[in-house]
Amino acid sequence: MIINLFFAIFKKGLFKKLQIIYIVSQFESEHNSTNERKIMPVIKIEERELEVDGDGFLINPEEWNEEIASLLAKHDGTGVLQEKHWAVINYIRQYWKENDLAPMVRKICQVADLRLREVYELFPLGPAKGACKIAGLPKPDGCV
């Protein structure tokens, strides 16, 4: 038996208009009479709900599209995505699809022909927390 309880938490700070909804699913185990609880955060942006981890990275990168990237960028302080942003985002997504992990920052700089300082100017939260999140990747290994 599954019972869903929905409640919303309005998060302040970088995600000013971003609504985070925690969906609490309560499962009754067949082998155990106790109930287990599973919490799945969901980000709601302009009528779209995306399942994310505790840090706001997409659980299902297949749900990503350019519209979602633009909305995430606007809400995290990156602003409107320009050509240089898209060069980084598209490379990160391509590399991730081929290798199942995010590229090293050095490689991003080489391929996008940017200096590290420029990457941080484009993505104020950094290449992992900013660029990878906007690119729809799961949280990269080593990302704190």
C-alpha atoms as a PDB file:
ATOM      1  CA  MET A   1       0.000   0.000   0.000  1.00  0.00           C
ATOM      2  CA  ILE A   2       1.432   3.362  -0.975  1.00  0.00           C
ATOM      3  CA  ILE A   3       0.354   6.565   0.715  1.00  0.00           C
ATOM      4  CA  ASN A   4       1.679   9.826  -0.705  1.00  0.00           C
ATOM      5  CA  LEU A   5       1.861  12.933   1.404  1.00  0.00           C
ATOM      6  CA  PHE A   6       2.757  16.159  -0.369  1.00  0.00           C
ATOM      7  CA  PHE A   7       4.070  19.239   1.336  1.00  0.00           C
ATOM      8  CA  ALA A   8       5.943  22.221  -0.061  1.00  0.00           C
ATOM      9  CA  ILE A   9       8.952  24.024   1.271  1.00  0.00           C
ATOM     10  CA  PHE A  10       9.800  27.399  -0.207  1.00  0.00           C
ATOM     11  CA  LYS A  11      13.554  27.674  -0.376  1.00  0.00           C
ATOM     12  CA  LYS A  12      15.116  31.107  -0.034  1.00  0.00           C
ATOM     13  CA  GLY A  13      18.457  32.263  -1.335  1.00  0.00           C
ATOM     14  CA  LEU A  14      19.666  31.449  -4.847  1.00  0.00           C
ATOM     15  CA  PHE A  15      16.457  29.682  -5.832  1.00  0.00           C
ATOM     16  CA  LYS A  16      14.126  32.544  -4.920  1.00  0.00           C
ATOM     17  CA  LYS A  17      11.112  31.466  -6.942  1.00  0.00           C
ATOM     18  CA  LEU A  18      11.983  27.799  -6.978  1.00  0.00           C
ATOM     19  CA  GLN A  19       9.619  25.575  -5.100  1.00  0.00           C
ATOM     20  CA  ILE A  20      10.955  22.364  -3.671  1.00  0.00           C
ATOM     21  CA  ILE A  21       8.381  19.739  -2.929  1.00  0.00           C
ATOM     22  CA  TYR A  22       9.223  16.704  -0.918  1.00  0.00           C
ATOM     23  CA  ILE A  23       7.152  13.717  -1.815  1.00  0.00           C
ATOM     24  CA  VAL A  24       7.034  11.364   1.087  1.00  0.00           C
ATOM     25  CA  SER A  25       6.082   7.857   0.118  1.00  0.00           C
ATOM     26  CA  GLN A  26       5.225   5.444   2.842  1.00  0.00           C
ATOM     27  CA  PHE A  27       5.601   1.763   2.003  1.00  0.00           C
ATOM     28  CA  GLU A  28       4.321  -1.146   4.017  1.00  0.00           C
ATOM     29  CA  SER A  29       6.685  -4.084   3.709  1.00  0.00           C
ATOM     30  CA  GLU A  30       5.224  -7.541   3.148  1.00  0.00           C
ATOM     31  CA  HIS A  31       7.887  -9.118   5.362  1.00  0.00           C
ATOM     32  CA  ASN A  32       7.877  -6.469   8.048  1.00  0.00           C
ATOM     33  CA  SER A  33       4.969  -4.755   9.741  1.00  0.00           C
ATOM     34  CA  THR A  34       6.939  -1.502  10.174  1.00  0.00           C
ATOM     35  CA  ASN A  35       6.657   1.280   7.623  1.00  0.00           C
ATOM     36  CA  GLU A  36       9.660   2.533   5.655  1.00  0.00           C
ATOM     37  CA  ARG A  37       9.733   6.130   4.458  1.00  0.00           C
ATOM     38  CA  LYS A  38      11.406   7.278   1.270  1.00  0.00           C
ATOM     39  CA  ILE A  39      11.871  11.017   0.618  1.00  0.00           C
ATOM     40  CA  MET A  40      12.258  12.149  -2.987  1.00  0.00           C
ATOM     41  CA  PRO A  41      12.863  15.878  -3.521  1.00  0.00           C
ATOM     42  CA  VAL A  42      11.174  17.377  -6.551  1.00  0.00           C
ATOM     43  CA  ILE A  43      11.922  20.816  -8.002  1.00  0.00           C
ATOM     44  CA  LYS A  44       8.918  22.620  -9.434  1.00  0.00           C
ATOM     45  CA  ILE A  45       9.754  25.310 -11.993  1.00  0.00           C
ATOM     46  CA  GLU A  46       6.958  26.947 -13.957  1.00  0.00           C
ATOM     47  CA  GLU A  47       4.543  24.004 -13.808  1.00  0.00           C
ATOM     48  CA  ARG A  48       7.294  21.378 -14.369  1.00  0.00           C
ATOM     49  CA  GLU A  49       8.282  18.948 -11.669  1.00  0.00           C
ATOM     50  CA  LEU A  50      11.742  17.368 -11.826  1.00  0.00           C
ATOM     51  CA  GLU A  51      12.987  14.698  -9.463  1.00  0.00           C
ATOM     52  CA  VAL A  52      16.313  15.795  -7.951  1.00  0.00           C
ATOM     53  CA  ASP A  53      18.761  14.660  -5.308  1.00  0.00           C
ATOM     54  CA  GLY A  54      19.297  16.570  -2.071  1.00  0.00           C
ATOM     55  CA  ASP A  55      21.636  19.032  -3.834  1.00  0.00           C
ATOM     56  CA  GLY A  56      19.256  19.811  -6.710  1.00  0.00           C
ATOM     57  CA  PHE A  57      20.913  17.644  -9.398  1.00  0.00           C
ATOM     58  CA  LEU A  58      18.525  15.774 -11.712  1.00  0.00           C
ATOM     59  CA  ILE A  59      17.904  12.140 -10.840  1.00  0.00           C
ATOM     60  CA  ASN A  60      16.788  11.403 -14.419  1.00  0.00           C
ATOM     61  CA  PRO A  61      19.078  13.288 -16.842  1.00  0.00           C
ATOM     62  CA  GLU A  62      16.867  12.087 -19.717  1.00  0.00           C
ATOM     63  CA  GLU A  63      14.257  14.655 -18.600  1.00  0.00           C
ATOM     64  CA  TRP A  64      16.680  17.509 -19.399  1.00  0.00           C
ATOM     65  CA  ASN A  65      16.134  19.857 -22.303  1.00  0.00           C
ATOM     66  CA  GLU A  66      17.297  23.366 -23.237  1.00  0.00           C
ATOM     67  CA  GLU A  67      14.222  24.967 -21.696  1.00  0.00           C
ATOM     68  CA  ILE A  68      14.955  23.327 -18.343  1.00  0.00           C
ATOM     69  CA  ALA A  69      18.597  24.435 -18.615  1.00  0.00           C
ATOM     70  CA  SER A  70      17.515  28.035 -19.199  1.00  0.00           C
ATOM     71  CA  LEU A  71      15.157  27.962 -16.219  1.00  0.00           C
ATOM     72  CA  LEU A  72      17.791  26.445 -13.924  1.00  0.00           C
ATOM     73  CA  ALA A  73      20.349  29.034 -15.057  1.00  0.00           C
ATOM     74  CA  LYS A  74      17.964  31.907 -14.420  1.00  0.00           C
ATOM     75  CA  HIS A  75      17.151  30.641 -10.926  1.00  0.00           C
ATOM     76  CA  ASP A  76      20.695  29.855  -9.785  1.00  0.00           C
ATOM     77  CA  GLY A  77      22.082  33.276 -10.674  1.00  0.00           C
ATOM     78  CA  THR A  78      23.811  32.313 -13.924  1.00  0.00           C
ATOM     79  CA  GLY A  79      21.351  34.404 -15.926  1.00  0.00           C
ATOM     80  CA  VAL A  80      20.502  34.138 -19.602  1.00  0.00           C
ATOM     81  CA  LEU A  81      22.530  31.445 -21.352  1.00  0.00           C
ATOM     82  CA  GLN A  82      24.747  32.754 -24.136  1.00  0.00           C
ATOM     83  CA  GLU A  83      26.772  30.995 -26.846  1.00  0.00           C
ATOM     84  CA  LYS A  84      29.739  30.321 -24.513  1.00  0.00           C
ATOM     85  CA  HIS A  85      27.420  28.821 -21.886  1.00  0.00           C
ATOM     86  CA  TRP A  86      25.924  26.485 -24.481  1.00  0.00           C
ATOM     87  CA  ALA A  87      29.388  25.432 -25.706  1.00  0.00           C
ATOM     88  CA  VAL A  88      30.244  24.300 -22.163  1.00  0.00           C
ATOM     89  CA  ILE A  89      26.836  22.736 -21.482  1.00  0.00           C
ATOM     90  CA  ASN A  90      26.734  20.821 -24.784  1.00  0.00           C
ATOM     91  CA  TYR A  91      30.277  19.518 -24.296  1.00  0.00           C
ATOM     92  CA  ILE A  92      29.510  18.396 -20.729  1.00  0.00           C
ATOM     93  CA  ARG A  93      26.381  16.557 -21.887  1.00  0.00           C
ATOM     94  CA  GLN A  94      28.165  14.933 -24.844  1.00  0.00           C
ATOM     95  CA  TYR A  95      31.079  13.801 -22.653  1.00  0.00           C
ATOM     96  CA  TRP A  96      28.695  12.471 -20.008  1.00  0.00           C
ATOM     97  CA  LYS A  97      26.679  10.490 -22.574  1.00  0.00           C
ATOM     98  CA  GLU A  98      29.866   8.897 -23.935  1.00  0.00           C
ATOM     99  CA  ASN A  99      31.672   8.282 -20.627  1.00  0.00           C
ATOM    100  CA  ASP A 100      28.935   8.224 -17.952  1.00  0.00           C
ATOM    101  CA  LEU A 101      30.782  10.881 -15.937  1.00  0.00           C
ATOM    102  CA  ALA A 102      31.394  14.610 -16.071  1.00  0.00           C
ATOM    103  CA  PRO A 103      34.560  15.846 -17.785  1.00  0.00           C
ATOM    104  CA  MET A 104      37.454  17.312 -15.841  1.00  0.00           C
ATOM    105  CA  VAL A 105      37.468  21.100 -15.675  1.00  0.00           C
ATOM    106  CA  ARG A 106      40.764  21.250 -17.581  1.00  0.00           C
ATOM    107  CA  LYS A 107      39.138  19.410 -20.513  1.00  0.00           C
ATOM    108  CA  ILE A 108      36.127  21.763 -20.470  1.00  0.00           C
ATOM    109  CA  CYS A 109      38.512  24.730 -20.727  1.00  0.00           C
ATOM    110  CA  GLN A 110      40.404  23.150 -23.641  1.00  0.00           C
ATOM    111  CA  VAL A 111      37.369  22.158 -25.681  1.00  0.00           C
ATOM    112  CA  ALA A 112      35.418  25.393 -25.074  1.00  0.00           C
ATOM    113  CA  ASP A 113      38.586  27.476 -25.549  1.00  0.00           C
ATOM    114  CA  LEU A 114      38.077  29.212 -22.209  1.00  0.00           C
ATOM    115  CA  ARG A 115      40.319  29.990 -19.267  1.00  0.00           C
ATOM    116  CA  LEU A 116      39.320  28.626 -15.875  1.00  0.00           C
ATOM    117  CA  ARG A 117      38.485  32.144 -14.709  1.00  0.00           C
ATOM    118  CA  GLU A 118      36.068  32.509 -17.642  1.00  0.00           C
ATOM    119  CA  VAL A 119      34.299  29.253 -16.746  1.00  0.00           C
ATOM    120  CA  TYR A 120      33.704  30.606 -13.225  1.00  0.00           C
ATOM    121  CA  GLU A 121      32.494  33.915 -14.683  1.00  0.00           C
ATOM    122  CA  LEU A 122      30.009  32.042 -16.891  1.00  0.00           C
ATOM    123  CA  PHE A 123      28.906  29.707 -14.082  1.00  0.00           C
ATOM    124  CA  PRO A 124      29.186  31.515 -10.709  1.00  0.00           C
ATOM    125  CA  LEU A 125      28.515  28.282  -8.795  1.00  0.00           C
ATOM    126  CA  GLY A 126      31.441  26.639 -10.596  1.00  0.00           C
ATOM    127  CA  PRO A 127      31.801  23.966 -13.259  1.00  0.00           C
ATOM    128  CA  ALA A 128      30.429  21.129 -11.115  1.00  0.00           C
ATOM    129  CA  LYS A 129      27.668  22.736  -9.067  1.00  0.00           C
ATOM    130  CA  GLY A 130      26.749  25.260 -11.752  1.00  0.00           C
ATOM    131  CA  ALA A 131      27.503  23.951 -15.225  1.00  0.00           C
ATOM    132  CA  CYS A 132      26.833  20.260 -14.536  1.00  0.00           C
ATOM    133  CA  LYS A 133      23.570  21.025 -12.743  1.00  0.00           C
ATOM    134  CA  ILE A 134      22.372  23.247 -15.606  1.00  0.00           C
ATOM    135  CA  ALA A 135      23.495  20.549 -18.085  1.00  0.00           C
ATOM    136  CA  GLY A 136      21.168  18.118 -16.314  1.00  0.00           C
ATOM    137  CA  LEU A 137      23.824  15.706 -15.083  1.00  0.00           C
ATOM    138  CA  PRO A 138      23.593  13.805 -11.818  1.00  0.00           C
ATOM    139  CA  LYS A 139      25.887  15.167  -9.098  1.00  0.00           C
ATOM    140  CA  PRO A 140      29.484  14.560 -10.255  1.00  0.00           C
ATOM    141  CA  ASP A 141      31.802  12.420  -8.138  1.00  0.00           C
ATOM    142  CA  GLY A 142      33.912  14.580  -5.882  1.00  0.00           C
ATOM    143  CA  CYS A 143      31.442  17.477  -5.988  1.00  0.00           C
ATOM    144  CA  VAL A 144      31.035  18.782  -2.455  1.00  0.00           C
END
